[in-house]
Structures are given as structure tokens and as C-alpha cells.
Amino acid sequence: MAQAAERGDVGPPLVTAGEKDSLVRFLDYLRDSIAHKLDGLSEEEVRRALVPSRTTLMMLIKHLARVELRWFCINFAGQSMPEVPADPYPTDSDTIPAVLAAYRAAVGQANAAIAAGDLDQRAVRSRTAEPPTLRWILIHMIEETARHAGHADILREQIDGVTGD
């Protein structure tokens, strides 16, 4: 087992900015938190499925990269991007650095789409009659990322006992 990186508990950001900046900063806080769950772990450990659903730490990062691109870049901004494979389970060619780099790249693209939009602006693509606003998408992605960060907390604790944000 690799030496766990000591990060300790990191509280949520104290934001005194406007609504859009506040939402993005909370989402960035969660994005950073889940990426740090891989710190100090081996390739084998991030692939270890410890629950019946076969969820792994690497799978959670791959899944979140996909939904970042889908919600912000493709659905909201209407960008033509190749869809990331729907199956987020690790492949033999996946590595921790590559998966984290893909996640950070997706976050960068998502943040660019967010910066170019207005909170009341509606998504270009939607499966619903009334497309969601950027505000709704940001709130949904905060919920989605926080939910999976909780899953990552449990998996990490099962792997090596490390807890905290």
C-alpha cells in the first residue's frame, strides 16, 4: 500500500461573492475533494471494488469527468464533443495520472462553458420540454459531485483508513 497523503479536513469555502461565483467555488471545492481521494494510493487500490456495485475510486473520477462534459459542454453550451465512453469502469490502459488529467481537463472545459454563460440561460440541448438553466445545472452538479465524494470517502476509508475532506 502506498503512503497516504496527509491532507486533513478541508472545510467548504467561505464565499462572499455573487451567486454564480459562489456556486462555482462550491463545485470546485467538491471537485478538488474527490480528486484528492486518490492521493497516495496504488493503481490496484483505486481499482479495488469493495461494494456489490463494483464502484471504485477510479470509476467515480471517470464518471464525473463524463458528466462534467455532458452537462456543461455538450448540453448547456452545445459544443460538439466526442462523448466519453458510457462505461466508467477502469480499463487496463487507465492510470491514476491519466484519469485525473482527463477529469481536470473536463473541469477546465466545464468552467469555460460556465464562465461564458448566464445563470438564467437555458441549455442548448435537453431531453426535457423545458431545458434546464445554468443555475439548475450547477446545483445539480454540486449534488452529483457531493454524492460521489461521499461514496469516495467510504471507499477510501475501507482501503486504508484515511478519512477527511
C-alpha atoms as a PDB file:
ATOM      1  CA  MET A   1       0.000   0.000   0.000  1.00  0.00           C
ATOM      2  CA  ALA A   2       1.305   3.449  -0.891  1.00  0.00           C
ATOM      3  CA  GLN A   3       1.812   6.053   1.808  1.00  0.00           C
ATOM      4  CA  ALA A   4      -1.380   8.069   2.257  1.00  0.00           C
ATOM      5  CA  ALA A   5      -1.022  11.781   1.680  1.00  0.00           C
ATOM      6  CA  GLU A   6      -1.959  13.834   4.727  1.00  0.00           C
ATOM      7  CA  ARG A   7      -4.452  16.443   3.699  1.00  0.00           C
ATOM      8  CA  GLY A   8      -6.680  16.608   6.757  1.00  0.00           C
ATOM      9  CA  ASP A   9     -10.116  18.093   6.817  1.00  0.00           C
ATOM     10  CA  VAL A  10     -10.629  20.998   4.457  1.00  0.00           C
ATOM     11  CA  GLY A  11     -13.792  22.951   5.103  1.00  0.00           C
ATOM     12  CA  PRO A  12     -16.009  24.417   2.421  1.00  0.00           C
ATOM     13  CA  PRO A  13     -15.064  27.801   1.004  1.00  0.00           C
ATOM     14  CA  LEU A  14     -16.273  30.948   2.710  1.00  0.00           C
ATOM     15  CA  VAL A  15     -17.675  32.811  -0.250  1.00  0.00           C
ATOM     16  CA  THR A  16     -18.730  36.445  -0.187  1.00  0.00           C
ATOM     17  CA  ALA A  17     -19.073  36.770  -3.947  1.00  0.00           C
ATOM     18  CA  GLY A  18     -22.114  36.704  -6.174  1.00  0.00           C
ATOM     19  CA  GLU A  19     -24.347  33.718  -6.792  1.00  0.00           C
ATOM     20  CA  LYS A  20     -22.555  32.332  -9.856  1.00  0.00           C
ATOM     21  CA  ASP A  21     -19.097  32.595  -8.297  1.00  0.00           C
ATOM     22  CA  SER A  22     -20.397  31.029  -5.083  1.00  0.00           C
ATOM     23  CA  LEU A  23     -21.853  28.056  -6.943  1.00  0.00           C
ATOM     24  CA  VAL A  24     -18.680  27.526  -8.973  1.00  0.00           C
ATOM     25  CA  ARG A  25     -16.442  27.795  -5.895  1.00  0.00           C
ATOM     26  CA  PHE A  26     -18.505  25.191  -4.026  1.00  0.00           C
ATOM     27  CA  LEU A  27     -18.402  22.891  -7.055  1.00  0.00           C
ATOM     28  CA  ASP A  28     -14.632  23.417  -7.374  1.00  0.00           C
ATOM     29  CA  TYR A  29     -14.237  22.592  -3.669  1.00  0.00           C
ATOM     30  CA  LEU A  30     -16.044  19.281  -4.201  1.00  0.00           C
ATOM     31  CA  ARG A  31     -14.129  18.534  -7.403  1.00  0.00           C
ATOM     32  CA  ASP A  32     -10.844  19.050  -5.572  1.00  0.00           C
ATOM     33  CA  SER A  33     -12.009  16.969  -2.619  1.00  0.00           C
ATOM     34  CA  ILE A  34     -12.900  13.919  -4.711  1.00  0.00           C
ATOM     35  CA  ALA A  35      -9.687  14.123  -6.764  1.00  0.00           C
ATOM     36  CA  HIS A  36      -7.667  14.116  -3.527  1.00  0.00           C
ATOM     37  CA  LYS A  37      -9.249  10.798  -2.537  1.00  0.00           C
ATOM     38  CA  LEU A  38      -6.753   9.115  -4.893  1.00  0.00           C
ATOM     39  CA  ASP A  39      -3.708  10.707  -3.240  1.00  0.00           C
ATOM     40  CA  GLY A  40      -1.148   8.186  -2.063  1.00  0.00           C
ATOM     41  CA  LEU A  41      -2.982   5.131  -3.389  1.00  0.00           C
ATOM     42  CA  SER A  42      -1.652   2.493  -5.760  1.00  0.00           C
ATOM     43  CA  GLU A  43      -3.150   1.622  -9.145  1.00  0.00           C
ATOM     44  CA  GLU A  44      -4.524  -1.564  -7.589  1.00  0.00           C
ATOM     45  CA  GLU A  45      -6.132   0.288  -4.687  1.00  0.00           C
ATOM     46  CA  VAL A  46      -8.001   2.835  -6.841  1.00  0.00           C
ATOM     47  CA  ARG A  47      -9.397  -0.083  -8.889  1.00  0.00           C
ATOM     48  CA  ARG A  48     -10.452  -2.130  -5.872  1.00  0.00           C
ATOM     49  CA  ALA A  49     -14.211  -2.781  -5.831  1.00  0.00           C
ATOM     50  CA  LEU A  50     -15.301  -3.035  -2.217  1.00  0.00           C
ATOM     51  CA  VAL A  51     -19.073  -2.855  -2.708  1.00  0.00           C
ATOM     52  CA  PRO A  52     -21.501  -5.029  -4.710  1.00  0.00           C
ATOM     53  CA  SER A  53     -21.990  -2.315  -7.375  1.00  0.00           C
ATOM     54  CA  ARG A  54     -18.264  -2.650  -8.267  1.00  0.00           C
ATOM     55  CA  THR A  55     -17.809   1.068  -7.623  1.00  0.00           C
ATOM     56  CA  THR A  56     -14.152   2.066  -7.380  1.00  0.00           C
ATOM     57  CA  LEU A  57     -12.399   5.355  -6.718  1.00  0.00           C
ATOM     58  CA  MET A  58     -11.121   5.434 -10.303  1.00  0.00           C
ATOM     59  CA  MET A  59     -14.600   4.723 -11.638  1.00  0.00           C
ATOM     60  CA  LEU A  60     -16.045   7.681  -9.712  1.00  0.00           C
ATOM     61  CA  ILE A  61     -13.490  10.071 -11.232  1.00  0.00           C
ATOM     62  CA  LYS A  62     -14.118   8.735 -14.761  1.00  0.00           C
ATOM     63  CA  HIS A  63     -17.890   9.044 -14.256  1.00  0.00           C
ATOM     64  CA  LEU A  64     -17.624  12.631 -13.017  1.00  0.00           C
ATOM     65  CA  ALA A  65     -15.410  13.625 -15.952  1.00  0.00           C
ATOM     66  CA  ARG A  66     -18.093  12.341 -18.288  1.00  0.00           C
ATOM     67  CA  VAL A  67     -20.967  14.156 -16.587  1.00  0.00           C
ATOM     68  CA  GLU A  68     -18.979  17.424 -16.395  1.00  0.00           C
ATOM     69  CA  LEU A  69     -18.535  17.335 -20.171  1.00  0.00           C
ATOM     70  CA  ARG A  70     -22.071  16.179 -20.859  1.00  0.00           C
ATOM     71  CA  TRP A  71     -23.869  18.731 -18.689  1.00  0.00           C
ATOM     72  CA  PHE A  72     -21.774  21.846 -19.185  1.00  0.00           C
ATOM     73  CA  CYS A  73     -20.104  21.487 -22.573  1.00  0.00           C
ATOM     74  CA  ILE A  74     -22.482  19.375 -24.621  1.00  0.00           C
ATOM     75  CA  ASN A  75     -25.935  20.042 -23.124  1.00  0.00           C
ATOM     76  CA  PHE A  76     -25.515  23.614 -21.873  1.00  0.00           C
ATOM     77  CA  ALA A  77     -23.041  25.085 -24.363  1.00  0.00           C
ATOM     78  CA  GLY A  78     -23.996  22.890 -27.314  1.00  0.00           C
ATOM     79  CA  GLN A  79     -20.398  22.034 -28.090  1.00  0.00           C
ATOM     80  CA  SER A  80     -19.672  19.153 -30.433  1.00  0.00           C
ATOM     81  CA  MET A  81     -17.500  16.905 -28.372  1.00  0.00           C
ATOM     82  CA  PRO A  82     -16.873  13.226 -28.683  1.00  0.00           C
ATOM     83  CA  GLU A  83     -18.838  11.512 -25.938  1.00  0.00           C
ATOM     84  CA  VAL A  84     -16.730   9.875 -23.280  1.00  0.00           C
ATOM     85  CA  PRO A  85     -17.429   6.136 -23.040  1.00  0.00           C
ATOM     86  CA  ALA A  86     -20.567   5.488 -21.002  1.00  0.00           C
ATOM     87  CA  ASP A  87     -18.911   2.658 -19.073  1.00  0.00           C
ATOM     88  CA  PRO A  88     -16.821   4.380 -16.395  1.00  0.00           C
ATOM     89  CA  TYR A  89     -15.227   1.209 -15.055  1.00  0.00           C
ATOM     90  CA  PRO A  90     -11.428   1.241 -15.320  1.00  0.00           C
ATOM     91  CA  THR A  91      -9.807  -0.327 -18.349  1.00  0.00           C
ATOM     92  CA  ASP A  92      -6.383  -1.937 -18.403  1.00  0.00           C
ATOM     93  CA  SER A  93      -4.944   1.196 -20.007  1.00  0.00           C
ATOM     94  CA  ASP A  94      -6.282   3.626 -17.372  1.00  0.00           C
ATOM     95  CA  THR A  95      -3.756   5.053 -14.927  1.00  0.00           C
ATOM     96  CA  ILE A  96      -4.201   7.375 -11.967  1.00  0.00           C
ATOM     97  CA  PRO A  97      -2.364  10.281 -13.673  1.00  0.00           C
ATOM     98  CA  ALA A  98      -4.304   9.835 -16.932  1.00  0.00           C
ATOM     99  CA  VAL A  99      -7.706   9.604 -15.268  1.00  0.00           C
ATOM    100  CA  LEU A 100      -7.009  12.618 -13.037  1.00  0.00           C
ATOM    101  CA  ALA A 101      -5.705  14.595 -16.030  1.00  0.00           C
ATOM    102  CA  ALA A 102      -8.863  13.766 -18.003  1.00  0.00           C
ATOM    103  CA  TYR A 103     -11.006  14.829 -15.034  1.00  0.00           C
ATOM    104  CA  ARG A 104      -9.106  18.101 -14.623  1.00  0.00           C
ATOM    105  CA  ALA A 105      -9.354  18.753 -18.373  1.00  0.00           C
ATOM    106  CA  ALA A 106     -13.114  18.131 -18.262  1.00  0.00           C
ATOM    107  CA  VAL A 107     -13.421  20.516 -15.300  1.00  0.00           C
ATOM    108  CA  GLY A 108     -11.441  23.141 -17.214  1.00  0.00           C
ATOM    109  CA  GLN A 109     -13.725  22.810 -20.241  1.00  0.00           C
ATOM    110  CA  ALA A 110     -16.793  22.887 -17.998  1.00  0.00           C
ATOM    111  CA  ASN A 111     -15.581  26.020 -16.211  1.00  0.00           C
ATOM    112  CA  ALA A 112     -15.017  27.738 -19.561  1.00  0.00           C
ATOM    113  CA  ALA A 113     -18.609  26.936 -20.579  1.00  0.00           C
ATOM    114  CA  ILE A 114     -19.871  28.175 -17.197  1.00  0.00           C
ATOM    115  CA  ALA A 115     -17.878  31.425 -17.474  1.00  0.00           C
ATOM    116  CA  ALA A 116     -19.399  32.137 -20.892  1.00  0.00           C
ATOM    117  CA  GLY A 117     -22.965  31.625 -19.665  1.00  0.00           C
ATOM    118  CA  ASP A 118     -25.541  33.408 -17.569  1.00  0.00           C
ATOM    119  CA  LEU A 119     -27.274  31.642 -14.661  1.00  0.00           C
ATOM    120  CA  ASP A 120     -30.706  32.082 -16.271  1.00  0.00           C
ATOM    121  CA  GLN A 121     -29.502  30.896 -19.674  1.00  0.00           C
ATOM    122  CA  ARG A 122     -31.057  27.604 -20.740  1.00  0.00           C
ATOM    123  CA  ALA A 123     -29.218  24.575 -22.038  1.00  0.00           C
ATOM    124  CA  VAL A 124     -28.964  24.250 -25.813  1.00  0.00           C
ATOM    125  CA  ARG A 125     -29.635  20.508 -25.672  1.00  0.00           C
ATOM    126  CA  SER A 126     -32.118  18.861 -23.360  1.00  0.00           C
ATOM    127  CA  ARG A 127     -34.224  15.754 -23.022  1.00  0.00           C
ATOM    128  CA  THR A 128     -36.942  17.762 -21.305  1.00  0.00           C
ATOM    129  CA  ALA A 129     -39.548  20.095 -22.773  1.00  0.00           C
ATOM    130  CA  GLU A 130     -38.098  22.995 -20.816  1.00  0.00           C
ATOM    131  CA  PRO A 131     -34.289  22.903 -20.878  1.00  0.00           C
ATOM    132  CA  PRO A 132     -32.604  23.475 -17.516  1.00  0.00           C
ATOM    133  CA  THR A 133     -30.860  26.730 -16.705  1.00  0.00           C
ATOM    134  CA  LEU A 134     -27.164  27.021 -15.964  1.00  0.00           C
ATOM    135  CA  ARG A 135     -28.175  27.672 -12.337  1.00  0.00           C
ATOM    136  CA  TRP A 136     -30.005  24.310 -12.194  1.00  0.00           C
ATOM    137  CA  ILE A 137     -27.093  22.513 -13.861  1.00  0.00           C
ATOM    138  CA  LEU A 138     -24.613  23.983 -11.361  1.00  0.00           C
ATOM    139  CA  ILE A 139     -26.797  22.968  -8.420  1.00  0.00           C
ATOM    140  CA  HIS A 140     -27.284  19.504  -9.917  1.00  0.00           C
ATOM    141  CA  MET A 141     -23.522  19.075 -10.418  1.00  0.00           C
ATOM    142  CA  ILE A 142     -22.857  20.187  -6.832  1.00  0.00           C
ATOM    143  CA  GLU A 143     -25.311  17.489  -5.717  1.00  0.00           C
ATOM    144  CA  GLU A 144     -23.847  14.876  -8.085  1.00  0.00           C
ATOM    145  CA  THR A 145     -20.249  15.573  -7.102  1.00  0.00           C
ATOM    146  CA  ALA A 146     -21.045  15.725  -3.367  1.00  0.00           C
ATOM    147  CA  ARG A 147     -22.910  12.422  -3.564  1.00  0.00           C
ATOM    148  CA  HIS A 148     -19.970  10.713  -5.232  1.00  0.00           C
ATOM    149  CA  ALA A 149     -17.484  12.399  -2.885  1.00  0.00           C
ATOM    150  CA  GLY A 150     -19.385  10.675  -0.066  1.00  0.00           C
ATOM    151  CA  HIS A 151     -19.017   7.361  -1.865  1.00  0.00           C
ATOM    152  CA  ALA A 152     -15.299   8.099  -2.281  1.00  0.00           C
ATOM    153  CA  ASP A 153     -14.978   8.863   1.448  1.00  0.00           C
ATOM    154  CA  ILE A 154     -16.333   5.430   2.310  1.00  0.00           C
ATOM    155  CA  LEU A 155     -14.205   3.605  -0.271  1.00  0.00           C
ATOM    156  CA  ARG A 156     -11.046   5.398   0.821  1.00  0.00           C
ATOM    157  CA  GLU A 157     -11.699   4.576   4.463  1.00  0.00           C
ATOM    158  CA  GLN A 158     -12.192   0.913   3.531  1.00  0.00           C
ATOM    159  CA  ILE A 159      -8.920   0.883   1.574  1.00  0.00           C
ATOM    160  CA  ASP A 160      -6.539   2.424   4.104  1.00  0.00           C
ATOM    161  CA  GLY A 161      -8.494   4.058   6.917  1.00  0.00           C
ATOM    162  CA  VAL A 162      -7.911   7.634   5.698  1.00  0.00           C
ATOM    163  CA  THR A 163     -10.827   9.934   6.423  1.00  0.00           C
ATOM    164  CA  GLY A 164     -11.451  13.628   5.911  1.00  0.00           C
ATOM    165  CA  ASP A 165     -12.212  16.001   3.068  1.00  0.00           C
END
